[in-house]
Structure formats: structure tokens, C-alpha cells
């Protein structure tokens, strides 16, 4: 045990001299233990308080550092985004400038090509009309080759221009109100030489009967002529090409059906892709850029319409087009007269197609694709 000893001297009251010593002993174990415990508790509390304060300070420092780093990252990301946005704007401007320059270039080149080409074809027609003498047949043959080459070049130029406009989104359709019968007549007239060269028959089956649409007249005629030209190109001589047309529920329905070589299911998936041409013996010999159907699809879609194809190899093809008429509902309610379908027939002597309407009480059933 822990003790404390105290010695008290006893003094003689008379002489003032210490005569003895009184020893006092006191046990202080409890007091020391209590004080040590209090000291330890105080030390522990002080240590824990210091540790807590240190932890809080450290945590605050970490949080502040993290917030600072996050702010720095956000600033860096925003800076990168601004740089990327600036670069993207510059790239977009460059692309737009390139597209504008390309369009201007194609327009200039096409104009420069079309001007002499038009003159060449016009003078070819004049020479054809004034051929006489022993070399007439040979000269006519050569002039025919020149004219055919000129038309092919003209088609190529027009395809490139249309492709450029559609690719840049600049269709700029010139909508006007017109009767679909006018388009039918234009298609028959324009396609007759092409069909006549292969002695193919053109048949129109429809009941437009004076109904009107509000679309780009030139573009709609171009769609039909592209499909008819494509049908003629891949159909044997002497076959029939059918053009069907009607207006139902404020929607223009068109279809071109041929009796040609047909299209495989694999090729149908890529048929409207730019520059695509089916690879087979029948198509290798045919001229073309592979833009016709892509342009046709672009024109149809620019009018808010759709185009589809149904075909079987060796059994012909049917292209179907639907386009909103752009006319108010009920504006095309008219009395229909059952007019006989006009038909293009070919003279074997001149190989020039002529349009002839033959009386018929009933329409022939549509051809299947």
C-alpha cells in the first residue's frame, strides 16, 4: 500500500527543547488511485478530443481538396467542350462551304456541258431530217449513235445534279396544283421512243378522272419516268410495262410493273442505295450510274411519301409509290368516266412508238410483280 508518514516533534514547554518525536502514518492508496484514474481519464478525453478534431480537420481538408479537384475537372471538361464545339463549328462551316462550292461547281459544269450538248443534239436532229443520197442509211446510223450518246450524257448530268441537291438536302420542291392526267400524258409522250426501240408496250391503268394534286409536277413526272425507264432497261423486247395510278384518301398511289428479269431478295435490301447496281449478266451490259433509284427515293421522301419494291427473280418487278396529295380532304370528289386505258404500240418499220387509245368496255387485270 501507499502510505505517508509524518513526524511531529514534542517540545518541552519549560525548556523549549524537543524531548521526543511523534510519528503519524496515513494510508493514501485510494487517493493516489483516484487521482491517477482522473488523470488518465482526462488524458484520454484530451487525446480523443484531439484525434476527433484532427479527423474532422483532415476530412474537411479532403472534402475541400475533392471539391477543388471536381471544379478543376468541370472547368477542364467545359473547356474541352468549348474547344470541341468550336472545332465542330469550324468543321461544319468547312463542310457547308465545300457543299456550296461543290454545288456551284456541278451547276457550272452542267451548264457548260449542257449548252454545247443541246446544240449538238439539235443539229443532229436537223441533219437526220435532211439526209439524202446513197450514204443516207449509214449517215442516219451514225447520227443515231451521236444522239444516243448525247442523251446518255444529258441523263448523267441531270442525275449528278439531282444527286447533289438531294445529298445536300436542297430539294426545294416547287409545289403547284395540277391534274395527274397531265403527268400520264407526259410520261407516255416522253417514254415512247425508249419503249419503241425495244418494241415494248406501255399500258396505263388508272382512274384519275381529272383529280388534282399539289406537288412538284416536274419531280413527280421524273419519278414515274425513272421507274418506267428502269423497267424498260431490265425487261426483254416485246414485253409490257404497266403504269397504275389512283388517288384514295388524299394519297397518290402509283405503281410501275414490268415483266423483266426480277431482283433477288439480297439486292432488294440495297436497291435504293447510292451507286448500287445489281451484279448479274443482264445488268452488266446496261449503262447507268446507279443513282436513278436513289434519286427517285429522295424525291418521293422529300414529298413525305414512301417507295417500296416487290420482285421475284425471273418474274418481273413492281415498284409502288405513295405520296400525300397536298390537297384538302374532299377536294377531289369528282364523277369518273370509264375511259379506256391508253396504250403505246410500236411500228416495226420505223421503230417509233405511237400512242393509240382503243375502245374497251372493261379494264384488263393488273399485272403481278
Protein backbone atom coordinates (compact mmCIF):
# COMPACT_ATOMS: atom_id res chain seq x y z
CA UNK A 1 0.00 0.00 0.00
CA UNK A 2 0.99 3.58 -0.47
CA UNK A 3 1.45 5.40 2.89
CA UNK A 4 2.57 8.81 4.01
CA UNK A 5 4.47 9.17 7.28
CA UNK A 6 4.57 12.46 9.16
CA UNK A 7 6.87 13.12 12.18
CA UNK A 8 5.80 15.74 14.70
CA UNK A 9 8.38 16.79 17.40
CA UNK A 10 7.21 17.07 21.04
CA UNK A 11 8.70 20.22 22.72
CA UNK A 12 9.27 20.63 26.44
CA UNK A 13 7.10 23.54 27.47
CA UNK A 14 9.54 24.68 30.17
CA UNK A 15 12.84 24.37 28.44
CA UNK A 16 11.64 24.60 24.82
CA UNK A 17 13.69 21.56 23.92
CA UNK A 18 12.38 18.64 21.82
CA UNK A 19 12.04 15.70 24.07
CA UNK A 20 10.60 13.17 21.59
CA UNK A 21 9.12 12.66 18.12
CA UNK A 22 5.54 11.64 17.30
CA UNK A 23 5.21 9.57 14.14
CA UNK A 24 1.93 9.71 12.18
CA UNK A 25 1.28 7.25 9.38
CA UNK A 26 -1.57 7.74 6.82
CA UNK A 27 -2.66 5.32 4.02
CA UNK A 28 -3.05 7.36 0.71
CA UNK A 29 -3.50 4.43 -1.71
CA UNK A 30 -7.12 5.29 -2.54
CA UNK A 31 -6.37 8.94 -3.05
CA UNK A 32 -3.48 8.20 -5.40
CA UNK A 33 -5.52 5.65 -7.37
CA UNK A 34 -8.40 8.09 -7.75
CA UNK A 35 -6.10 10.88 -8.84
CA UNK A 36 -4.28 8.62 -11.31
CA UNK A 37 -7.65 7.49 -12.74
CA UNK A 38 -8.79 11.06 -13.05
CA UNK A 39 -5.51 11.96 -14.73
CA UNK A 40 -5.79 9.05 -17.14
CA UNK A 41 -9.43 9.88 -17.94
CA UNK A 42 -8.51 13.48 -18.53
CA UNK A 43 -5.60 12.42 -20.70
CA UNK A 44 -7.86 10.01 -22.67
CA UNK A 45 -10.52 12.67 -23.14
CA UNK A 46 -7.92 15.13 -24.26
CA UNK A 47 -6.40 12.62 -26.66
CA UNK A 48 -9.79 11.63 -28.11
CA UNK A 49 -10.78 15.25 -28.47
CA UNK A 50 -7.53 15.98 -30.26
CA UNK A 51 -7.98 12.95 -32.51
CA UNK A 52 -11.59 13.90 -33.31
CA UNK A 53 -10.61 17.43 -34.11
CA UNK A 54 -7.74 16.15 -36.23
CA UNK A 55 -10.02 13.71 -38.06
CA UNK A 56 -12.60 16.42 -38.70
CA UNK A 57 -9.91 18.77 -39.94
CA UNK A 58 -8.45 16.03 -42.16
CA UNK A 59 -11.90 15.11 -43.51
CA UNK A 60 -12.66 18.75 -44.20
CA UNK A 61 -9.34 19.10 -45.98
CA UNK A 62 -10.03 16.01 -48.09
CA UNK A 63 -13.52 17.25 -48.96
CA UNK A 64 -12.22 20.68 -49.86
CA UNK A 65 -9.48 19.14 -51.97
CA UNK A 66 -12.04 16.88 -53.70
CA UNK A 67 -14.36 19.81 -54.35
CA UNK A 68 -11.45 21.78 -55.73
CA UNK A 69 -10.42 18.88 -57.97
CA UNK A 70 -14.01 18.44 -59.17
CA UNK A 71 -14.23 22.11 -60.00
CA UNK A 72 -10.98 21.86 -61.88
CA UNK A 73 -12.26 18.81 -63.78
CA UNK A 74 -15.55 20.54 -64.60
CA UNK A 75 -13.64 23.57 -65.85
CA UNK A 76 -11.37 21.32 -67.92
CA UNK A 77 -14.36 19.43 -69.37
CA UNK A 78 -16.17 22.69 -70.16
CA UNK A 79 -13.03 24.00 -71.78
CA UNK A 80 -12.67 20.81 -73.83
CA UNK A 81 -16.34 21.01 -74.80
CA UNK A 82 -15.93 24.60 -75.89
CA UNK A 83 -12.89 23.64 -77.92
CA UNK A 84 -14.72 20.65 -79.42
CA UNK A 85 -17.77 22.81 -80.14
CA UNK A 86 -15.57 25.42 -81.76
CA UNK A 87 -13.80 22.77 -83.82
CA UNK A 88 -17.16 21.22 -84.76
CA UNK A 89 -18.47 24.61 -85.82
CA UNK A 90 -15.38 25.13 -87.93
CA UNK A 91 -15.74 21.67 -89.47
CA UNK A 92 -19.44 22.27 -90.15
CA UNK A 93 -18.64 25.59 -91.78
CA UNK A 94 -15.96 23.94 -93.88
CA UNK A 95 -18.38 21.16 -94.87
CA UNK A 96 -21.08 23.70 -95.73
CA UNK A 97 -18.57 25.70 -97.73
CA UNK A 98 -17.40 22.55 -99.52
CA UNK A 99 -21.02 21.58 -100.28
CA UNK A 100 -21.74 25.07 -101.58
CA UNK A 101 -18.61 25.01 -103.71
CA UNK A 102 -19.45 21.51 -104.96
CA UNK A 103 -22.99 22.57 -105.84
CA UNK A 104 -21.70 25.66 -107.62
CA UNK A 105 -19.09 23.58 -109.41
CA UNK A 106 -21.63 20.98 -110.55
CA UNK A 107 -24.04 23.70 -111.60
CA UNK A 108 -21.33 25.48 -113.59
CA UNK A 109 -20.01 22.29 -115.16
CA UNK A 110 -23.50 21.07 -116.02
CA UNK A 111 -24.31 24.40 -117.62
CA UNK A 112 -21.08 24.34 -119.59
CA UNK A 113 -21.80 20.77 -120.71
CA UNK A 114 -25.49 21.27 -121.40
CA UNK A 115 -25.03 24.27 -123.68
CA UNK A 116 -22.90 22.54 -126.35
CA UNK A 117 -24.78 19.27 -125.77
CA UNK A 118 -28.12 20.90 -126.53
CA UNK A 119 -26.72 22.45 -129.70
CA UNK A 120 -25.17 19.13 -130.74
CA UNK A 121 -28.45 17.26 -130.32
CA UNK A 122 -30.42 19.97 -132.10
CA UNK A 123 -28.10 19.94 -135.11
CA UNK A 124 -28.20 16.14 -135.09
CA UNK A 125 -31.98 16.31 -135.47
CA UNK A 126 -31.57 18.78 -138.35
CA UNK A 127 -29.06 16.52 -140.10
CA UNK A 128 -31.34 13.49 -139.65
CA UNK A 129 -34.19 15.33 -141.38
CA UNK A 130 -32.04 16.41 -144.33
CA UNK A 131 -30.22 13.21 -145.19
CA UNK A 132 -30.32 12.15 -148.85
CA UNK A 133 -28.24 10.16 -151.28
CA UNK A 134 -26.50 6.83 -151.26
CA UNK A 135 -24.97 7.27 -147.81
CA UNK A 136 -28.26 8.19 -146.17
CA UNK A 137 -28.70 4.95 -144.19
CA UNK A 138 -25.12 4.93 -142.96
CA UNK A 139 -25.24 8.61 -142.02
CA UNK A 140 -28.52 8.13 -140.17
CA UNK A 141 -26.99 5.26 -138.24
CA UNK A 142 -24.02 7.38 -137.21
CA UNK A 143 -26.22 10.32 -136.30
CA UNK A 144 -28.37 7.99 -134.21
CA UNK A 145 -25.29 6.90 -132.29
CA UNK A 146 -24.34 10.54 -131.70
CA UNK A 147 -27.82 11.38 -130.46
CA UNK A 148 -27.97 8.34 -128.17
CA UNK A 149 -24.59 9.24 -126.67
CA UNK A 150 -25.75 12.81 -126.19
CA UNK A 151 -28.88 11.66 -124.38
CA UNK A 152 -26.84 9.37 -122.15
CA UNK A 153 -24.54 12.27 -121.30
CA UNK A 154 -27.54 14.51 -120.63
CA UNK A 155 -29.04 11.89 -118.30
CA UNK A 156 -25.73 11.58 -116.47
CA UNK A 157 -25.52 15.35 -115.97
CA UNK A 158 -29.09 15.54 -114.68
CA UNK A 159 -28.51 12.59 -112.34
CA UNK A 160 -25.40 14.22 -110.89
CA UNK A 161 -27.25 17.49 -110.34
CA UNK A 162 -30.21 15.77 -108.69
CA UNK A 163 -27.89 13.68 -106.54
CA UNK A 164 -26.03 16.81 -105.43
CA UNK A 165 -29.26 18.60 -104.50
CA UNK A 166 -30.72 15.63 -102.63
CA UNK A 167 -27.44 14.85 -100.88
CA UNK A 168 -27.20 18.42 -99.54
CA UNK A 169 -30.89 18.48 -98.57
CA UNK A 170 -31.72 21.18 -101.10
CA UNK A 171 -34.65 19.60 -102.92
CA UNK A 172 -36.64 22.86 -102.98
CA UNK A 173 -39.80 21.30 -104.43
CA UNK A 174 -41.86 23.74 -106.49
CA UNK A 175 -45.38 22.72 -105.48
CA UNK A 176 -48.24 23.60 -107.77
CA UNK A 177 -51.76 22.34 -108.35
CA UNK A 178 -52.23 20.16 -111.43
CA UNK A 179 -54.13 17.17 -112.78
CA UNK A 180 -52.40 13.80 -112.69
CA UNK A 181 -53.73 13.10 -116.19
CA UNK A 182 -51.19 15.67 -117.42
CA UNK A 183 -48.35 13.60 -115.94
CA UNK A 184 -49.70 10.43 -117.55
CA UNK A 185 -49.71 12.13 -120.96
CA UNK A 186 -46.18 13.49 -120.42
CA UNK A 187 -44.85 10.08 -119.42
CA UNK A 188 -46.44 8.39 -122.44
CA UNK A 189 -45.02 11.00 -124.80
CA UNK A 190 -41.52 11.08 -123.30
CA UNK A 191 -41.12 7.32 -122.92
CA UNK A 192 -42.44 6.31 -126.34
CA UNK A 193 -39.07 6.46 -128.20
CA UNK A 194 -37.33 4.45 -125.46
CA UNK A 195 -40.03 1.79 -125.37
CA UNK A 196 -40.38 1.78 -129.13
CA UNK A 197 -36.71 0.91 -129.60
CA UNK A 198 -37.35 -2.39 -127.77
CA UNK A 199 -40.89 -2.82 -129.13
CA UNK A 200 -42.27 -2.73 -125.61
CA UNK A 201 -45.89 -1.89 -124.88
CA UNK A 202 -46.87 0.77 -122.34
CA UNK A 203 -50.24 0.43 -120.61
CA UNK A 204 -51.77 2.89 -118.15
CA UNK A 205 -54.47 1.68 -115.80
CA UNK A 206 -56.00 4.23 -113.50
CA UNK A 207 -58.94 6.43 -112.71
CA UNK A 208 -57.54 9.91 -112.07
CA UNK A 209 -60.52 11.37 -113.93
CA UNK A 210 -59.44 14.99 -113.51
CA UNK A 211 -58.32 14.66 -109.89
CA UNK A 212 -55.73 17.20 -108.82
CA UNK A 213 -52.69 17.19 -106.57
CA UNK A 214 -50.45 19.89 -105.13
CA UNK A 215 -46.93 18.62 -105.67
CA UNK A 216 -43.84 19.38 -107.75
CA UNK A 217 -45.15 18.43 -111.18
CA UNK A 218 -41.74 18.03 -112.79
CA UNK A 219 -40.46 15.87 -109.94
CA UNK A 220 -43.50 13.59 -109.90
CA UNK A 221 -43.16 13.06 -113.65
CA UNK A 222 -39.45 12.37 -113.10
CA UNK A 223 -40.28 9.67 -110.53
CA UNK A 224 -42.59 7.85 -112.93
CA UNK A 225 -40.23 8.21 -115.90
CA UNK A 226 -37.28 6.95 -113.83
CA UNK A 227 -39.27 3.85 -112.86
CA UNK A 228 -40.54 3.28 -116.42
CA UNK A 229 -37.03 3.75 -117.83
CA UNK A 230 -35.64 1.31 -115.28
CA UNK A 231 -38.38 -1.20 -116.12
CA UNK A 232 -37.67 -0.90 -119.84
CA UNK A 233 -33.92 -1.26 -119.34
CA UNK A 234 -34.22 -4.57 -117.48
CA UNK A 235 -37.11 -6.09 -119.44
CA UNK A 236 -36.82 -8.10 -122.67
CA UNK A 237 -38.02 -6.73 -126.00
CA UNK A 238 -41.70 -7.15 -126.72
CA UNK A 239 -42.82 -7.16 -123.07
CA UNK A 240 -45.43 -4.95 -121.43
CA UNK A 241 -44.78 -2.21 -118.89
CA UNK A 242 -47.81 -1.18 -116.85
CA UNK A 243 -48.28 2.13 -115.06
CA UNK A 244 -51.05 2.16 -112.43
CA UNK A 245 -52.31 5.28 -110.69
CA UNK A 246 -55.11 6.42 -108.41
CA UNK A 247 -55.91 8.87 -105.61
CA UNK A 248 -57.50 7.48 -102.44
CA UNK A 249 -57.91 9.12 -99.04
CA UNK A 250 -55.89 12.19 -100.06
CA UNK A 251 -52.98 9.95 -101.06
CA UNK A 252 -51.49 9.50 -104.52
CA UNK A 253 -50.86 5.82 -105.32
CA UNK A 254 -48.52 4.98 -108.21
CA UNK A 255 -47.07 1.68 -109.41
CA UNK A 256 -44.85 0.59 -112.30
CA UNK A 257 -44.91 -3.12 -113.17
CA UNK A 258 -42.65 -4.92 -115.62
CA UNK A 259 -42.11 -8.43 -116.94
CA UNK A 260 -38.34 -8.26 -116.63
CA UNK A 261 -35.55 -10.24 -115.04
CA UNK A 262 -36.62 -9.51 -111.46
CA UNK A 263 -34.50 -8.62 -108.45
CA UNK A 264 -33.10 -11.01 -105.86
CA UNK A 265 -34.07 -10.56 -102.20
CA UNK A 266 -30.45 -9.70 -101.33
CA UNK A 267 -30.30 -6.93 -103.94
CA UNK A 268 -33.70 -5.55 -102.89
CA UNK A 269 -32.25 -4.58 -99.49
CA UNK A 270 -29.64 -2.34 -101.19
CA UNK A 271 -31.68 -1.31 -104.21
CA UNK A 272 -32.15 2.34 -103.18
CA UNK A 273 -28.55 2.79 -102.03
CA UNK A 274 -26.48 5.37 -103.89
CA UNK A 275 -24.38 3.96 -106.74
CA UNK A 276 -25.69 0.42 -106.18
CA UNK A 277 -26.19 -1.77 -109.25
CA UNK A 278 -27.22 -5.41 -109.16
CA UNK A 279 -24.47 -7.69 -110.39
CA UNK A 280 -25.70 -10.18 -112.98
CA UNK A 281 -25.26 -10.87 -116.68
CA UNK A 282 -28.33 -8.87 -117.65
CA UNK A 283 -27.28 -5.69 -115.82
CA UNK A 284 -23.59 -5.62 -116.78
CA UNK A 285 -24.41 -4.70 -120.36
CA UNK A 286 -26.71 -1.83 -119.32
CA UNK A 287 -25.37 1.68 -118.91
CA UNK A 288 -26.08 3.66 -115.77
CA UNK A 289 -24.61 5.37 -112.70
CA UNK A 290 -26.62 3.56 -110.05
CA UNK A 291 -28.19 6.87 -108.97
CA UNK A 292 -31.63 6.61 -110.60
CA UNK A 293 -33.49 4.72 -107.86
CA UNK A 294 -31.66 6.60 -105.11
CA UNK A 295 -32.75 9.90 -106.67
CA UNK A 296 -36.29 8.58 -107.10
CA UNK A 297 -36.44 7.61 -103.42
CA UNK A 298 -35.10 11.03 -102.42
CA UNK A 299 -37.75 12.85 -104.47
CA UNK A 300 -40.55 10.68 -103.05
CA UNK A 301 -39.39 11.17 -99.46
CA UNK A 302 -38.97 14.92 -99.97
CA UNK A 303 -42.73 14.96 -100.67
CA UNK A 304 -43.42 13.00 -97.48
CA UNK A 305 -44.02 9.74 -99.37
CA UNK A 306 -42.71 6.19 -99.44
CA UNK A 307 -41.45 3.82 -102.14
CA UNK A 308 -41.25 0.03 -101.99
CA UNK A 309 -40.41 -2.88 -104.29
CA UNK A 310 -41.83 -6.36 -104.80
CA UNK A 311 -39.94 -8.72 -107.06
CA UNK A 312 -39.01 -12.30 -107.81
CA UNK A 313 -36.10 -13.35 -109.96
CA UNK A 314 -37.34 -14.13 -113.45
CA UNK A 315 -40.91 -12.97 -112.74
CA UNK A 316 -40.73 -9.20 -113.01
CA UNK A 317 -40.80 -6.30 -110.58
CA UNK A 318 -43.34 -3.89 -109.13
CA UNK A 319 -42.38 -0.51 -107.68
CA UNK A 320 -45.07 1.14 -105.53
CA UNK A 321 -45.15 4.81 -104.51
CA UNK A 322 -47.47 6.61 -102.09
CA UNK A 323 -47.39 10.40 -101.66
CA UNK A 324 -49.79 12.75 -99.82
CA UNK A 325 -51.61 14.81 -102.46
CA UNK A 326 -51.24 18.07 -100.55
CA UNK A 327 -54.91 18.79 -101.26
CA UNK A 328 -57.67 19.34 -98.65
CA UNK A 329 -59.80 16.29 -97.89
CA UNK A 330 -62.81 16.04 -100.21
CA UNK A 331 -61.38 18.39 -102.83
CA UNK A 332 -61.02 15.55 -105.36
CA UNK A 333 -64.57 14.23 -105.27
CA UNK A 334 -65.46 14.06 -108.97
CA UNK A 335 -67.56 11.96 -111.28
CA UNK A 336 -65.32 9.42 -113.01
CA UNK A 337 -65.82 8.39 -116.59
CA UNK A 338 -64.51 4.98 -117.52
CA UNK A 339 -62.07 5.98 -120.22
CA UNK A 340 -60.20 3.19 -121.94
CA UNK A 341 -56.56 2.80 -120.96
CA UNK A 342 -54.18 4.39 -123.48
CA UNK A 343 -51.62 2.04 -124.93
CA UNK A 344 -48.32 2.56 -126.70
CA UNK A 345 -47.84 0.40 -129.75
CA UNK A 346 -44.71 0.05 -131.84
CA UNK A 347 -44.35 0.18 -135.57
CA UNK A 348 -41.89 -2.48 -136.64
CA UNK A 349 -40.90 -0.47 -139.72
CA UNK A 350 -39.98 2.82 -138.09
CA UNK A 351 -39.46 1.58 -134.54
CA UNK A 352 -41.17 4.72 -133.31
CA UNK A 353 -43.78 4.39 -130.58
CA UNK A 354 -47.22 5.88 -131.19
CA UNK A 355 -49.94 6.34 -128.65
CA UNK A 356 -53.26 4.85 -129.56
CA UNK A 357 -56.41 4.57 -127.49
CA UNK A 358 -58.55 1.56 -128.21
CA UNK A 359 -62.13 1.21 -127.10
CA UNK A 360 -62.67 -1.27 -124.30
CA UNK A 361 -65.62 -1.90 -122.01
CA UNK A 362 -63.53 -3.50 -119.26
CA UNK A 363 -60.06 -2.91 -117.88
CA UNK A 364 -57.51 -5.65 -118.04
CA UNK A 365 -56.47 -7.04 -114.65
CA UNK A 366 -53.21 -5.59 -113.25
CA UNK A 367 -50.01 -7.49 -113.78
CA UNK A 368 -48.39 -9.03 -110.74
CA UNK A 369 -44.84 -8.14 -109.87
